């Protein structure tokens, strides 16, 4: 991102790249891609179920399968439910991957610089430094900045004691 170049030192930029290297080494993009495929598969299976399960349509007063009704059920009932469930799982996996990528930056020797870089990003993005745990659980794909920084500091202590 251009904001990295404009607002961070070269060592902080390298720390961010070390973090991204961690994502590559742990195949995080592949894992989240698989989760997306599973999500799409659940949506397609829901569509097939709703379209072909005649009893649902009859229970709501239709004589036969009604595609408009199936679309409404899918859009307003099944998709939000599926999205909540898959969102919780995907976000949890993503948050774990962020910690692992941060740990990789520490292993590469850029832990302190990554902390500085995260502070710059938090300042520029007006990040909420202590969001509600419920909000984090429901909607955050990344751990809160403070938790990430504390994790990095803990990892730095482990490296220093070795």
C-alpha atoms as a PDB file:
ATOM      1  CA  UNK A   1       0.000   0.000   0.000  1.00  0.00           C
ATOM      2  CA  UNK A   2       1.178   3.522  -0.674  1.00  0.00           C
ATOM      3  CA  UNK A   3       0.457   4.492   2.942  1.00  0.00           C
ATOM      4  CA  UNK A   4       3.223   2.105   4.014  1.00  0.00           C
ATOM      5  CA  UNK A   5       5.784   3.989   1.955  1.00  0.00           C
ATOM      6  CA  UNK A   6       4.557   7.406   3.016  1.00  0.00           C
ATOM      7  CA  UNK A   7       4.232   6.799   6.737  1.00  0.00           C
ATOM      8  CA  UNK A   8       6.650   4.041   7.750  1.00  0.00           C
ATOM      9  CA  UNK A   9      10.376   3.626   7.996  1.00  0.00           C
ATOM     10  CA  UNK A  10      12.075   1.055   5.756  1.00  0.00           C
ATOM     11  CA  UNK A  11      12.457  -1.341   8.716  1.00  0.00           C
ATOM     12  CA  UNK A  12       8.752  -1.035   9.530  1.00  0.00           C
ATOM     13  CA  UNK A  13       7.879  -1.780   5.908  1.00  0.00           C
ATOM     14  CA  UNK A  14      10.132  -4.849   5.985  1.00  0.00           C
ATOM     15  CA  UNK A  15       8.398  -5.918   9.214  1.00  0.00           C
ATOM     16  CA  UNK A  16       5.027  -5.743   7.449  1.00  0.00           C
ATOM     17  CA  UNK A  17       6.456  -7.824   4.607  1.00  0.00           C
ATOM     18  CA  UNK A  18       7.830 -10.330   7.152  1.00  0.00           C
ATOM     19  CA  UNK A  19       4.288 -10.576   8.528  1.00  0.00           C
ATOM     20  CA  UNK A  20       2.945 -11.166   5.005  1.00  0.00           C
ATOM     21  CA  UNK A  21       5.694 -13.754   4.465  1.00  0.00           C
ATOM     22  CA  UNK A  22       4.205 -15.577   7.457  1.00  0.00           C
ATOM     23  CA  UNK A  23       0.859 -15.736   5.668  1.00  0.00           C
ATOM     24  CA  UNK A  24       2.581 -17.255   2.660  1.00  0.00           C
ATOM     25  CA  UNK A  25       4.554 -19.787   4.689  1.00  0.00           C
ATOM     26  CA  UNK A  26       1.447 -20.917   6.539  1.00  0.00           C
ATOM     27  CA  UNK A  27      -0.662 -21.050   3.343  1.00  0.00           C
ATOM     28  CA  UNK A  28      -3.295 -18.782   4.872  1.00  0.00           C
ATOM     29  CA  UNK A  29      -4.635 -17.594   1.521  1.00  0.00           C
ATOM     30  CA  UNK A  30      -5.211 -21.196   0.463  1.00  0.00           C
ATOM     31  CA  UNK A  31      -6.970 -22.023   3.750  1.00  0.00           C
ATOM     32  CA  UNK A  32      -9.300 -19.027   3.467  1.00  0.00           C
ATOM     33  CA  UNK A  33      -9.898 -19.831  -0.205  1.00  0.00           C
ATOM     34  CA  UNK A  34     -11.011 -23.319   0.794  1.00  0.00           C
ATOM     35  CA  UNK A  35     -13.329 -21.772   3.386  1.00  0.00           C
ATOM     36  CA  UNK A  36     -14.838 -19.601   0.643  1.00  0.00           C
ATOM     37  CA  UNK A  37     -15.440 -22.655  -1.537  1.00  0.00           C
ATOM     38  CA  UNK A  38     -17.127 -24.416   1.399  1.00  0.00           C
ATOM     39  CA  UNK A  39     -19.283 -21.327   1.958  1.00  0.00           C
ATOM     40  CA  UNK A  40     -20.322 -21.260  -1.704  1.00  0.00           C
ATOM     41  CA  UNK A  41     -21.049 -24.989  -1.576  1.00  0.00           C
ATOM     42  CA  UNK A  42     -23.325 -24.472   1.455  1.00  0.00           C
ATOM     43  CA  UNK A  43     -25.178 -21.731  -0.409  1.00  0.00           C
ATOM     44  CA  UNK A  44     -25.629 -23.884  -3.507  1.00  0.00           C
ATOM     45  CA  UNK A  45     -26.804 -26.855  -1.445  1.00  0.00           C
ATOM     46  CA  UNK A  46     -29.282 -24.575   0.351  1.00  0.00           C
ATOM     47  CA  UNK A  47     -30.580 -23.383  -3.005  1.00  0.00           C
ATOM     48  CA  UNK A  48     -31.007 -26.916  -4.281  1.00  0.00           C
ATOM     49  CA  UNK A  49     -32.756 -27.945  -1.058  1.00  0.00           C
ATOM     50  CA  UNK A  50     -35.136 -24.980  -1.075  1.00  0.00           C
ATOM     51  CA  UNK A  51     -36.004 -25.313  -4.726  1.00  0.00           C
ATOM     52  CA  UNK A  52     -36.573 -29.069  -4.692  1.00  0.00           C
ATOM     53  CA  UNK A  53     -38.200 -29.596  -1.279  1.00  0.00           C
ATOM     54  CA  UNK A  54     -41.814 -29.332  -2.345  1.00  0.00           C
ATOM     55  CA  UNK A  55     -43.217 -29.721   1.186  1.00  0.00           C
ATOM     56  CA  UNK A  56     -41.838 -26.328   2.249  1.00  0.00           C
ATOM     57  CA  UNK A  57     -43.665 -24.640  -0.607  1.00  0.00           C
ATOM     58  CA  UNK A  58     -46.901 -26.516   0.094  1.00  0.00           C
ATOM     59  CA  UNK A  59     -46.646 -25.695   3.832  1.00  0.00           C
ATOM     60  CA  UNK A  60     -46.687 -22.003   2.893  1.00  0.00           C
ATOM     61  CA  UNK A  61     -49.781 -22.339   0.700  1.00  0.00           C
ATOM     62  CA  UNK A  62     -48.286 -22.919  -2.747  1.00  0.00           C
ATOM     63  CA  UNK A  63     -49.572 -25.752  -4.929  1.00  0.00           C
ATOM     64  CA  UNK A  64     -46.156 -26.590  -6.303  1.00  0.00           C
ATOM     65  CA  UNK A  65     -42.564 -25.387  -6.185  1.00  0.00           C
ATOM     66  CA  UNK A  66     -42.446 -21.595  -6.304  1.00  0.00           C
ATOM     67  CA  UNK A  67     -39.049 -20.217  -7.354  1.00  0.00           C
ATOM     68  CA  UNK A  68     -39.798 -16.712  -6.136  1.00  0.00           C
ATOM     69  CA  UNK A  69     -40.655 -18.028  -2.688  1.00  0.00           C
ATOM     70  CA  UNK A  70     -37.497 -20.173  -2.679  1.00  0.00           C
ATOM     71  CA  UNK A  71     -35.474 -17.062  -3.542  1.00  0.00           C
ATOM     72  CA  UNK A  72     -37.070 -15.105  -0.689  1.00  0.00           C
ATOM     73  CA  UNK A  73     -36.410 -17.926   1.795  1.00  0.00           C
ATOM     74  CA  UNK A  74     -32.819 -18.214   0.622  1.00  0.00           C
ATOM     75  CA  UNK A  75     -32.159 -14.486   0.697  1.00  0.00           C
ATOM     76  CA  UNK A  76     -33.824 -13.600   3.980  1.00  0.00           C
ATOM     77  CA  UNK A  77     -33.620 -16.792   6.038  1.00  0.00           C
ATOM     78  CA  UNK A  78     -30.909 -19.213   4.976  1.00  0.00           C
ATOM     79  CA  UNK A  79     -28.162 -16.898   3.676  1.00  0.00           C
ATOM     80  CA  UNK A  80     -28.012 -14.723   6.808  1.00  0.00           C
ATOM     81  CA  UNK A  81     -27.913 -17.840   9.010  1.00  0.00           C
ATOM     82  CA  UNK A  82     -25.214 -19.506   6.903  1.00  0.00           C
ATOM     83  CA  UNK A  83     -23.236 -16.249   6.731  1.00  0.00           C
ATOM     84  CA  UNK A  84     -23.230 -15.868  10.510  1.00  0.00           C
ATOM     85  CA  UNK A  85     -21.999 -19.412  11.071  1.00  0.00           C
ATOM     86  CA  UNK A  86     -19.353 -19.384   8.332  1.00  0.00           C
ATOM     87  CA  UNK A  87     -18.351 -15.829   9.269  1.00  0.00           C
ATOM     88  CA  UNK A  88     -17.655 -16.844  12.857  1.00  0.00           C
ATOM     89  CA  UNK A  89     -15.520 -19.763  11.709  1.00  0.00           C
ATOM     90  CA  UNK A  90     -13.689 -17.839   8.980  1.00  0.00           C
ATOM     91  CA  UNK A  91     -12.974 -14.862  11.236  1.00  0.00           C
ATOM     92  CA  UNK A  92     -11.641 -17.139  13.994  1.00  0.00           C
ATOM     93  CA  UNK A  93      -9.316 -18.858  11.522  1.00  0.00           C
ATOM     94  CA  UNK A  94      -8.247 -15.491  10.130  1.00  0.00           C
ATOM     95  CA  UNK A  95      -7.487 -14.051  13.593  1.00  0.00           C
ATOM     96  CA  UNK A  96      -5.377 -17.127  14.421  1.00  0.00           C
ATOM     97  CA  UNK A  97      -3.529 -16.704  11.127  1.00  0.00           C
ATOM     98  CA  UNK A  98      -2.766 -13.068  11.987  1.00  0.00           C
ATOM     99  CA  UNK A  99      -1.131 -14.103  15.247  1.00  0.00           C
ATOM    100  CA  UNK A 100       0.921 -16.734  13.412  1.00  0.00           C
ATOM    101  CA  UNK A 101       2.000 -14.192  10.789  1.00  0.00           C
ATOM    102  CA  UNK A 102       2.980 -11.741  13.540  1.00  0.00           C
ATOM    103  CA  UNK A 103       4.994 -14.522  15.179  1.00  0.00           C
ATOM    104  CA  UNK A 104       6.761 -15.132  11.867  1.00  0.00           C
ATOM    105  CA  UNK A 105       7.816 -11.480  11.758  1.00  0.00           C
ATOM    106  CA  UNK A 106       9.270 -11.921  15.252  1.00  0.00           C
ATOM    107  CA  UNK A 107      11.148 -15.045  14.097  1.00  0.00           C
ATOM    108  CA  UNK A 108      12.546 -13.036  11.184  1.00  0.00           C
ATOM    109  CA  UNK A 109      13.846 -10.461  13.672  1.00  0.00           C
ATOM    110  CA  UNK A 110      11.319  -7.692  13.029  1.00  0.00           C
ATOM    111  CA  UNK A 111       9.073  -7.900  16.081  1.00  0.00           C
ATOM    112  CA  UNK A 112       9.847  -4.444  17.472  1.00  0.00           C
ATOM    113  CA  UNK A 113       9.487  -2.868  14.044  1.00  0.00           C
ATOM    114  CA  UNK A 114       6.171  -4.642  13.517  1.00  0.00           C
ATOM    115  CA  UNK A 115       4.866  -3.160  16.770  1.00  0.00           C
ATOM    116  CA  UNK A 116       5.824   0.295  15.491  1.00  0.00           C
ATOM    117  CA  UNK A 117       4.196  -0.432  12.125  1.00  0.00           C
ATOM    118  CA  UNK A 118       0.983  -1.627  13.791  1.00  0.00           C
ATOM    119  CA  UNK A 119       0.866   1.568  15.832  1.00  0.00           C
ATOM    120  CA  UNK A 120       1.212   3.623  12.639  1.00  0.00           C
ATOM    121  CA  UNK A 121      -1.582   1.615  10.977  1.00  0.00           C
ATOM    122  CA  UNK A 122      -3.785   1.922  14.059  1.00  0.00           C
ATOM    123  CA  UNK A 123      -3.295   5.668  14.115  1.00  0.00           C
ATOM    124  CA  UNK A 124      -3.940   6.123  10.391  1.00  0.00           C
ATOM    125  CA  UNK A 125      -6.973   3.804  10.393  1.00  0.00           C
ATOM    126  CA  UNK A 126      -8.415   5.248  13.626  1.00  0.00           C
ATOM    127  CA  UNK A 127      -8.478   1.705  15.018  1.00  0.00           C
ATOM    128  CA  UNK A 128     -10.513   0.908  18.099  1.00  0.00           C
ATOM    129  CA  UNK A 129      -7.784  -0.150  20.527  1.00  0.00           C
ATOM    130  CA  UNK A 130     -10.078  -2.001  22.915  1.00  0.00           C
ATOM    131  CA  UNK A 131     -13.239  -3.132  21.118  1.00  0.00           C
ATOM    132  CA  UNK A 132     -15.893  -5.257  22.759  1.00  0.00           C
ATOM    133  CA  UNK A 133     -15.007  -8.957  22.804  1.00  0.00           C
ATOM    134  CA  UNK A 134     -18.424  -9.706  21.301  1.00  0.00           C
ATOM    135  CA  UNK A 135     -17.807  -7.323  18.384  1.00  0.00           C
ATOM    136  CA  UNK A 136     -14.395  -8.934  17.826  1.00  0.00           C
ATOM    137  CA  UNK A 137     -15.944 -12.411  17.877  1.00  0.00           C
ATOM    138  CA  UNK A 138     -18.716 -11.492  15.454  1.00  0.00           C
ATOM    139  CA  UNK A 139     -16.987  -9.281  12.944  1.00  0.00           C
ATOM    140  CA  UNK A 140     -13.200  -8.910  13.274  1.00  0.00           C
ATOM    141  CA  UNK A 141     -11.021 -10.783  10.796  1.00  0.00           C
ATOM    142  CA  UNK A 142      -7.922  -9.408  12.579  1.00  0.00           C
ATOM    143  CA  UNK A 143      -7.278  -9.371  16.321  1.00  0.00           C
ATOM    144  CA  UNK A 144      -7.444  -5.941  17.950  1.00  0.00           C
ATOM    145  CA  UNK A 145      -4.182  -4.004  17.729  1.00  0.00           C
ATOM    146  CA  UNK A 146      -3.561  -4.049  21.469  1.00  0.00           C
ATOM    147  CA  UNK A 147      -3.883  -7.848  21.601  1.00  0.00           C
ATOM    148  CA  UNK A 148      -1.545  -8.215  18.631  1.00  0.00           C
ATOM    149  CA  UNK A 149       1.033  -5.937  20.208  1.00  0.00           C
ATOM    150  CA  UNK A 150       0.849  -7.813  23.522  1.00  0.00           C
ATOM    151  CA  UNK A 151       1.280 -11.113  21.649  1.00  0.00           C
ATOM    152  CA  UNK A 152       4.320  -9.781  19.779  1.00  0.00           C
ATOM    153  CA  UNK A 153       5.857  -8.515  23.031  1.00  0.00           C
ATOM    154  CA  UNK A 154       5.312 -11.964  24.578  1.00  0.00           C
ATOM    155  CA  UNK A 155       6.969 -13.618  21.570  1.00  0.00           C
ATOM    156  CA  UNK A 156       9.896 -11.173  21.819  1.00  0.00           C
ATOM    157  CA  UNK A 157      10.401 -12.166  25.473  1.00  0.00           C
ATOM    158  CA  UNK A 158      10.509 -15.833  24.462  1.00  0.00           C
ATOM    159  CA  UNK A 159      13.142 -15.078  21.826  1.00  0.00           C
ATOM    160  CA  UNK A 160      15.233 -13.026  24.274  1.00  0.00           C
ATOM    161  CA  UNK A 161      15.242 -15.803  26.901  1.00  0.00           C
ATOM    162  CA  UNK A 162      16.565 -18.387  24.442  1.00  0.00           C
END
